[in-house]
C-alpha atoms as a PDB file:
ATOM      1  CA  MET A   1      -0.038  -0.027  -0.030  1.00  0.00           C
ATOM      2  CA  PRO A   2       1.393   3.465  -1.038  1.00  0.00           C
ATOM      3  CA  LEU A   3       2.395   6.238   1.382  1.00  0.00           C
ATOM      4  CA  VAL A   4       0.776   9.610   0.437  1.00  0.00           C
ATOM      5  CA  GLU A   5       2.156  12.868   1.884  1.00  0.00           C
ATOM      6  CA  ILE A   6      -0.471  14.785   4.031  1.00  0.00           C
ATOM      7  CA  GLU A   7      -0.184  18.591   4.379  1.00  0.00           C
ATOM      8  CA  ILE A   8      -0.698  19.801   7.730  1.00  0.00           C
ATOM      9  CA  SER A   9      -0.996  23.432   8.886  1.00  0.00           C
ATOM     10  CA  ILE A  10       1.617  24.045  11.617  1.00  0.00           C
ATOM     11  CA  GLN A  11       0.416  27.090  13.561  1.00  0.00           C
ATOM     12  CA  THR A  12       3.074  28.490  15.989  1.00  0.00           C
ATOM     13  CA  ALA A  13       0.482  29.309  18.644  1.00  0.00           C
ATOM     14  CA  VAL A  14       1.253  30.008  22.345  1.00  0.00           C
ATOM     15  CA  VAL A  15       2.750  27.053  23.850  1.00  0.00           C
ATOM     16  CA  PRO A  16       0.919  26.132  27.153  1.00  0.00           C
ATOM     17  CA  ASP A  17       2.929  26.595  30.363  1.00  0.00           C
ATOM     18  CA  ALA A  18       2.731  22.809  31.134  1.00  0.00           C
ATOM     19  CA  ILE A  19       4.304  22.211  27.824  1.00  0.00           C
ATOM     20  CA  ILE A  20       7.148  24.958  28.348  1.00  0.00           C
ATOM     21  CA  ASP A  21       7.884  23.325  31.885  1.00  0.00           C
ATOM     22  CA  PHE A  22       7.940  19.883  30.561  1.00  0.00           C
ATOM     23  CA  LEU A  23      10.337  20.864  27.708  1.00  0.00           C
ATOM     24  CA  SER A  24      12.666  22.849  29.813  1.00  0.00           C
ATOM     25  CA  GLU A  25      13.091  20.040  32.180  1.00  0.00           C
ATOM     26  CA  ALA A  26      13.435  17.614  29.361  1.00  0.00           C
ATOM     27  CA  GLU A  27      16.146  19.634  27.552  1.00  0.00           C
ATOM     28  CA  ALA A  28      18.076  20.157  30.678  1.00  0.00           C
ATOM     29  CA  ARG A  29      18.258  16.446  31.316  1.00  0.00           C
ATOM     30  CA  ILE A  30      19.222  15.672  27.708  1.00  0.00           C
ATOM     31  CA  ARG A  31      22.115  18.265  27.832  1.00  0.00           C
ATOM     32  CA  HIS A  32      23.325  16.725  31.155  1.00  0.00           C
ATOM     33  CA  TYR A  33      23.192  13.247  29.434  1.00  0.00           C
ATOM     34  CA  LEU A  34      25.001  14.209  26.302  1.00  0.00           C
ATOM     35  CA  GLU A  35      27.714  16.048  28.400  1.00  0.00           C
ATOM     36  CA  ASN A  36      28.223  13.059  30.590  1.00  0.00           C
ATOM     37  CA  SER A  37      27.580   9.960  28.513  1.00  0.00           C
ATOM     38  CA  PRO A  38      29.530  10.546  25.176  1.00  0.00           C
ATOM     39  CA  CYS A  39      30.046   6.890  24.352  1.00  0.00           C
ATOM     40  CA  THR A  40      26.447   5.754  24.711  1.00  0.00           C
ATOM     41  CA  ALA A  41      25.107   9.064  23.308  1.00  0.00           C
ATOM     42  CA  LEU A  42      26.509   8.664  19.891  1.00  0.00           C
ATOM     43  CA  GLY A  43      23.413   7.295  18.174  1.00  0.00           C
ATOM     44  CA  PHE A  44      21.059   9.777  20.105  1.00  0.00           C
ATOM     45  CA  VAL A  45      20.280  13.188  18.521  1.00  0.00           C
ATOM     46  CA  PRO A  46      17.225  15.048  19.877  1.00  0.00           C
ATOM     47  CA  SER A  47      14.639  16.666  17.376  1.00  0.00           C
ATOM     48  CA  HIS A  48      13.118  20.236  17.521  1.00  0.00           C
ATOM     49  CA  PHE A  49      10.661  19.416  20.332  1.00  0.00           C
ATOM     50  CA  GLU A  50       8.665  22.447  20.136  1.00  0.00           C
ATOM     51  CA  LYS A  51       8.081  22.228  16.405  1.00  0.00           C
ATOM     52  CA  VAL A  52       7.016  18.482  16.872  1.00  0.00           C
ATOM     53  CA  TYR A  53       4.492  19.605  19.528  1.00  0.00           C
ATOM     54  CA  HIS A  54       3.038  22.079  17.162  1.00  0.00           C
ATOM     55  CA  ALA A  55       2.823  19.427  14.460  1.00  0.00           C
ATOM     56  CA  LEU A  56       1.049  16.910  16.778  1.00  0.00           C
ATOM     57  CA  HIS A  57      -1.316  19.697  17.847  1.00  0.00           C
ATOM     58  CA  ALA A  58      -2.158  20.353  14.143  1.00  0.00           C
ATOM     59  CA  ILE A  59      -2.822  16.518  13.656  1.00  0.00           C
ATOM     60  CA  THR A  60      -5.329  16.504  16.561  1.00  0.00           C
ATOM     61  CA  ASP A  61      -6.990  19.859  15.474  1.00  0.00           C
ATOM     62  CA  GLU A  62      -7.510  18.636  12.022  1.00  0.00           C
ATOM     63  CA  ASN A  63      -8.553  15.146  13.104  1.00  0.00           C
ATOM     64  CA  LEU A  64      -6.051  13.640  10.648  1.00  0.00           C
ATOM     65  CA  ALA A  65      -5.342  10.491  12.836  1.00  0.00           C
ATOM     66  CA  CYS A  66      -7.616   7.400  12.787  1.00  0.00           C
ATOM     67  CA  GLY A  67      -7.280   6.971  16.422  1.00  0.00           C
ATOM     68  CA  THR A  68      -5.348   8.012  19.558  1.00  0.00           C
ATOM     69  CA  SER A  69      -2.339   5.792  19.844  1.00  0.00           C
ATOM     70  CA  LEU A  70       1.151   6.837  18.997  1.00  0.00           C
ATOM     71  CA  CYS A  71       4.606   4.908  19.183  1.00  0.00           C
ATOM     72  CA  GLU A  72       7.955   6.659  19.056  1.00  0.00           C
ATOM     73  CA  TRP A  73      10.755   4.790  17.325  1.00  0.00           C
ATOM     74  CA  GLY A  74      14.144   5.326  18.869  1.00  0.00           C
ATOM     75  CA  SER A  75      12.361   7.157  21.665  1.00  0.00           C
ATOM     76  CA  GLY A  76      15.627   8.308  23.557  1.00  0.00           C
ATOM     77  CA  PHE A  77      14.204  10.501  26.536  1.00  0.00           C
ATOM     78  CA  GLY A  78      10.714   9.882  25.222  1.00  0.00           C
ATOM     79  CA  VAL A  79       9.983  13.488  24.693  1.00  0.00           C
ATOM     80  CA  VAL A  80       7.697  13.155  21.762  1.00  0.00           C
ATOM     81  CA  ALA A  81       5.709  10.280  23.270  1.00  0.00           C
ATOM     82  CA  SER A  82       5.375  12.304  26.488  1.00  0.00           C
ATOM     83  CA  LEU A  83       4.174  15.367  24.548  1.00  0.00           C
ATOM     84  CA  ALA A  84       1.662  13.183  22.587  1.00  0.00           C
ATOM     85  CA  SER A  85       0.399  11.879  26.046  1.00  0.00           C
ATOM     86  CA  MET A  86      -0.092  15.594  27.167  1.00  0.00           C
ATOM     87  CA  LEU A  87      -2.210  16.143  24.033  1.00  0.00           C
ATOM     88  CA  GLY A  88      -4.292  13.037  24.834  1.00  0.00           C
ATOM     89  CA  PHE A  89      -2.766  10.296  23.014  1.00  0.00           C
ATOM     90  CA  MET A  90      -1.944   6.733  24.429  1.00  0.00           C
ATOM     91  CA  ALA A  91       1.687   6.946  23.944  1.00  0.00           C
ATOM     92  CA  TYR A  92       4.352   4.330  23.805  1.00  0.00           C
ATOM     93  CA  GLY A  93       8.152   4.418  23.038  1.00  0.00           C
ATOM     94  CA  ILE A  94      10.673   1.771  21.777  1.00  0.00           C
ATOM     95  CA  GLU A  95      14.494   2.452  22.499  1.00  0.00           C
ATOM     96  CA  ILE A  96      17.484   0.244  22.080  1.00  0.00           C
ATOM     97  CA  GLU A  97      19.611   1.713  24.915  1.00  0.00           C
ATOM     98  CA  GLN A  98      18.534   0.579  28.296  1.00  0.00           C
ATOM     99  CA  ASP A  99      19.757   3.820  30.066  1.00  0.00           C
ATOM    100  CA  LEU A 100      17.697   5.994  27.808  1.00  0.00           C
ATOM    101  CA  VAL A 101      14.589   3.888  28.534  1.00  0.00           C
ATOM    102  CA  GLU A 102      15.192   4.357  32.218  1.00  0.00           C
ATOM    103  CA  ALA A 103      15.694   8.207  31.582  1.00  0.00           C
ATOM    104  CA  SER A 104      12.485   8.413  29.634  1.00  0.00           C
ATOM    105  CA  ARG A 105      10.515   6.532  32.328  1.00  0.00           C
ATOM    106  CA  ARG A 106      11.962   8.868  35.070  1.00  0.00           C
ATOM    107  CA  LEU A 107      10.919  11.884  33.055  1.00  0.00           C
ATOM    108  CA  ALA A 108       7.402  10.779  32.272  1.00  0.00           C
ATOM    109  CA  ASP A 109       6.919   9.588  35.907  1.00  0.00           C
ATOM    110  CA  ASP A 110       8.078  12.984  37.330  1.00  0.00           C
ATOM    111  CA  PHE A 111       5.393  14.694  35.326  1.00  0.00           C
ATOM    112  CA  GLY A 112       2.841  12.167  35.926  1.00  0.00           C
ATOM    113  CA  LEU A 113       2.498  11.054  32.245  1.00  0.00           C
ATOM    114  CA  PRO A 114       1.072   7.680  31.532  1.00  0.00           C
ATOM    115  CA  VAL A 115       3.659   6.559  28.881  1.00  0.00           C
ATOM    116  CA  GLU A 116       4.924   3.116  28.370  1.00  0.00           C
ATOM    117  CA  PHE A 117       8.649   2.800  27.462  1.00  0.00           C
ATOM    118  CA  VAL A 118      10.296  -0.561  26.578  1.00  0.00           C
ATOM    119  CA  GLN A 119      13.828  -1.532  25.691  1.00  0.00           C
ATOM    120  CA  GLY A 120      14.044  -3.257  22.225  1.00  0.00           C
ATOM    121  CA  SER A 121      14.068  -3.031  18.683  1.00  0.00           C
ATOM    122  CA  PHE A 122      11.411  -1.282  16.666  1.00  0.00           C
ATOM    123  CA  ILE A 123      12.040  -3.486  13.585  1.00  0.00           C
ATOM    124  CA  PRO A 124       9.289  -5.882  13.476  1.00  0.00           C
ATOM    125  CA  ALA A 125       9.825  -9.638  13.409  1.00  0.00           C
ATOM    126  CA  GLY A 126      10.097 -10.809   9.804  1.00  0.00           C
ATOM    127  CA  ALA A 127      11.706  -7.359   8.665  1.00  0.00           C
ATOM    128  CA  GLU A 128      15.272  -8.214   9.313  1.00  0.00           C
ATOM    129  CA  ALA A 129      16.221  -8.428   5.711  1.00  0.00           C
ATOM    130  CA  LEU A 130      15.050  -4.717   5.234  1.00  0.00           C
ATOM    131  CA  ALA A 131      17.160  -3.596   8.213  1.00  0.00           C
ATOM    132  CA  GLN A 132      20.182  -5.775   7.046  1.00  0.00           C
ATOM    133  CA  GLU A 133      20.018  -4.057   3.632  1.00  0.00           C
ATOM    134  CA  ALA A 134      19.881  -0.578   5.084  1.00  0.00           C
ATOM    135  CA  TYR A 135      22.828  -1.443   7.369  1.00  0.00           C
ATOM    136  CA  VAL A 136      24.965  -2.762   4.552  1.00  0.00           C
ATOM    137  CA  ASP A 137      23.874   0.050   2.000  1.00  0.00           C
ATOM    138  CA  ASN A 138      24.983   2.711   4.429  1.00  0.00           C
ATOM    139  CA  ASN A 139      28.571   1.283   5.128  1.00  0.00           C
ATOM    140  CA  SER A 140      27.405  -0.102   8.614  1.00  0.00           C
ATOM    141  CA  VAL A 141      26.896   3.275  10.245  1.00  0.00           C
ATOM    142  CA  PHE A 142      23.592   2.206  11.905  1.00  0.00           C
ATOM    143  CA  PRO A 143      24.521  -0.526  14.453  1.00  0.00           C
ATOM    144  CA  TRP A 144      21.268  -0.190  16.244  1.00  0.00           C
ATOM    145  CA  LEU A 145      19.516  -1.807  13.161  1.00  0.00           C
ATOM    146  CA  ILE A 146      21.415  -4.967  13.456  1.00  0.00           C
ATOM    147  CA  ASN A 147      21.321  -6.536  17.063  1.00  0.00           C
ATOM    148  CA  ASP A 148      19.917  -9.345  19.011  1.00  0.00           C
ATOM    149  CA  ALA A 149      17.299  -7.231  20.996  1.00  0.00           C
ATOM    150  CA  GLU A 150      13.864  -8.573  21.318  1.00  0.00           C
ATOM    151  CA  GLU A 151      11.273  -6.544  19.262  1.00  0.00           C
ATOM    152  CA  GLY A 152       9.677  -3.895  21.339  1.00  0.00           C
ATOM    153  CA  TYR A 153       6.208  -4.664  19.989  1.00  0.00           C
ATOM    154  CA  LYS A 154       6.193  -7.909  21.900  1.00  0.00           C
ATOM    155  CA  LYS A 155       7.053  -6.308  25.178  1.00  0.00           C
ATOM    156  CA  LEU A 156       4.230  -3.661  24.463  1.00  0.00           C
ATOM    157  CA  GLN A 157       1.829  -6.482  23.595  1.00  0.00           C
ATOM    158  CA  ARG A 158       0.899  -4.353  20.598  1.00  0.00           C
ATOM    159  CA  GLY A 159       1.805  -4.753  17.040  1.00  0.00           C
ATOM    160  CA  LEU A 160       2.934  -2.076  14.672  1.00  0.00           C
ATOM    161  CA  ASN A 161      -0.489  -2.452  12.927  1.00  0.00           C
ATOM    162  CA  GLU A 162      -2.161  -1.251  16.089  1.00  0.00           C
ATOM    163  CA  PHE A 163      -0.658   2.365  16.201  1.00  0.00           C
ATOM    164  CA  ASP A 164      -2.290   5.191  14.633  1.00  0.00           C
ATOM    165  CA  ILE A 165       0.622   7.296  14.436  1.00  0.00           C
ATOM    166  CA  VAL A 166       4.346   6.387  14.399  1.00  0.00           C
ATOM    167  CA  PHE A 167       7.117   9.134  14.994  1.00  0.00           C
ATOM    168  CA  ALA A 168      10.544   8.630  14.034  1.00  0.00           C
ATOM    169  CA  TYR A 169      13.696  10.805  13.446  1.00  0.00           C
ATOM    170  CA  PRO A 170      15.665   9.158  10.762  1.00  0.00           C
ATOM    171  CA  TRP A 171      19.403   9.619  10.234  1.00  0.00           C
ATOM    172  CA  PRO A 172      20.152  10.446   6.583  1.00  0.00           C
ATOM    173  CA  GLY A 173      19.910   7.143   4.836  1.00  0.00           C
ATOM    174  CA  GLU A 174      17.263   5.556   7.182  1.00  0.00           C
ATOM    175  CA  ASP A 175      14.363   7.265   5.782  1.00  0.00           C
ATOM    176  CA  TYR A 176      13.848   4.728   2.938  1.00  0.00           C
ATOM    177  CA  LEU A 177      14.002   1.855   5.734  1.00  0.00           C
ATOM    178  CA  PHE A 178      11.372   3.625   7.842  1.00  0.00           C
ATOM    179  CA  LYS A 179       8.987   4.196   5.104  1.00  0.00           C
ATOM    180  CA  SER A 180       9.516   0.449   3.876  1.00  0.00           C
ATOM    181  CA  LEU A 181       8.730  -0.843   7.364  1.00  0.00           C
ATOM    182  CA  PHE A 182       5.824   1.315   7.756  1.00  0.00           C
ATOM    183  CA  GLU A 183       4.387   0.524   4.324  1.00  0.00           C
ATOM    184  CA  GLU A 184       4.769  -3.100   4.943  1.00  0.00           C
ATOM    185  CA  TYR A 185       3.542  -3.386   8.506  1.00  0.00           C
ATOM    186  CA  ALA A 186       1.579  -0.391   9.671  1.00  0.00           C
ATOM    187  CA  ALA A 187      -2.297  -0.366   9.475  1.00  0.00           C
ATOM    188  CA  GLU A 188      -4.095   1.075   6.489  1.00  0.00           C
ATOM    189  CA  GLY A 189      -4.841   4.885   7.347  1.00  0.00           C
ATOM    190  CA  ALA A 190      -2.007   5.085   9.954  1.00  0.00           C
ATOM    191  CA  LEU A 191       0.332   8.208   9.824  1.00  0.00           C
ATOM    192  CA  LEU A 192       4.013   8.115   9.746  1.00  0.00           C
ATOM    193  CA  MET A 193       5.444  11.429  11.113  1.00  0.00           C
ATOM    194  CA  THR A 194       9.106  12.028  10.709  1.00  0.00           C
ATOM    195  CA  TYR A 195      11.465  14.941  11.628  1.00  0.00           C
ATOM    196  CA  ASP A 196      13.760  15.353   8.731  1.00  0.00           C
ATOM    197  CA  TYR A 197      16.818  17.413   8.185  1.00  0.00           C
ATOM    198  CA  PRO A 198      16.731  20.389   8.150  1.00  0.00           C
ATOM    199  CA  GLN A 199      14.013  20.651  10.915  1.00  0.00           C
ATOM    200  CA  THR A 200      11.220  19.524   8.682  1.00  0.00           C
ATOM    201  CA  ILE A 201       8.095  17.686   9.624  1.00  0.00           C
ATOM    202  CA  ARG A 202       6.741  15.282   7.345  1.00  0.00           C
ATOM    203  CA  VAL A 203       3.454  13.448   7.580  1.00  0.00           C
ATOM    204  CA  LEU A 204       2.664  10.243   5.431  1.00  0.00           C
ATOM    205  CA  ARG A 205      -0.386   8.353   5.243  1.00  0.00           C
ATOM    206  CA  LYS A 206      -0.699   4.574   4.440  1.00  0.00           C
ATOM    207  CA  GLN A 207      -3.284   4.250   1.886  1.00  0.00           C
ATOM    208  CA  SER A 208      -4.814   1.474  -0.008  1.00  0.00           C
ATOM    209  CA  GLU A 209      -4.151   0.885  -3.684  1.00  0.00           C
ATOM    210  CA  LEU A 210      -7.705   1.429  -4.442  1.00  0.00           C
ATOM    211  CA  ALA A 211      -7.791   4.809  -2.682  1.00  0.00           C
ATOM    212  CA  ALA A 212      -4.517   5.905  -4.370  1.00  0.00           C
ATOM    213  CA  GLY A 213      -5.785   5.149  -7.782  1.00  0.00           C
ATOM    214  CA  ALA A 214      -9.150   6.961  -7.253  1.00  0.00           C
END
């Protein structure tokens, strides 16, 4: 099933105080982590969280999602999943690094947010060949794609096809893999929201072949 780009109207409206307080604390913790964990932080690059918040807000305002569940791939500190929770989503995150999973849980707990984070891979069972291809094609620069970690969906007891929105921040070269995974395993009508360089939000909807040809 093809992926169709969806235009969203991102309004830079006033950000609520609760969001500002959360982002201020999240960014302080991320700075501390990056300064003190240089080895394990190599694959972790945070997105522009306020811009992502406005995009999520636009999706809710325009009723673009089929439902209210969101999964953050490579969730890091879980900031996007937590922002989604603050907007009324049932939010989840999958992260390969255990220390980041623990940090995301602490952050969400400190703000009373009911977000579930698990350590594991966001590569679904059966999609290993796609991940291997991306790993080889990019000269092995994405070691987190090839590992023996259990898939996160099993720990969440939810399949990728049960999420209405997936958020991801692909490295250059990863975007093809992310779109391929989503096209193959996500539910029809689900949204793939990516934060792409340079600070661009893209939203793609998985559409049926019939709808695409209409």
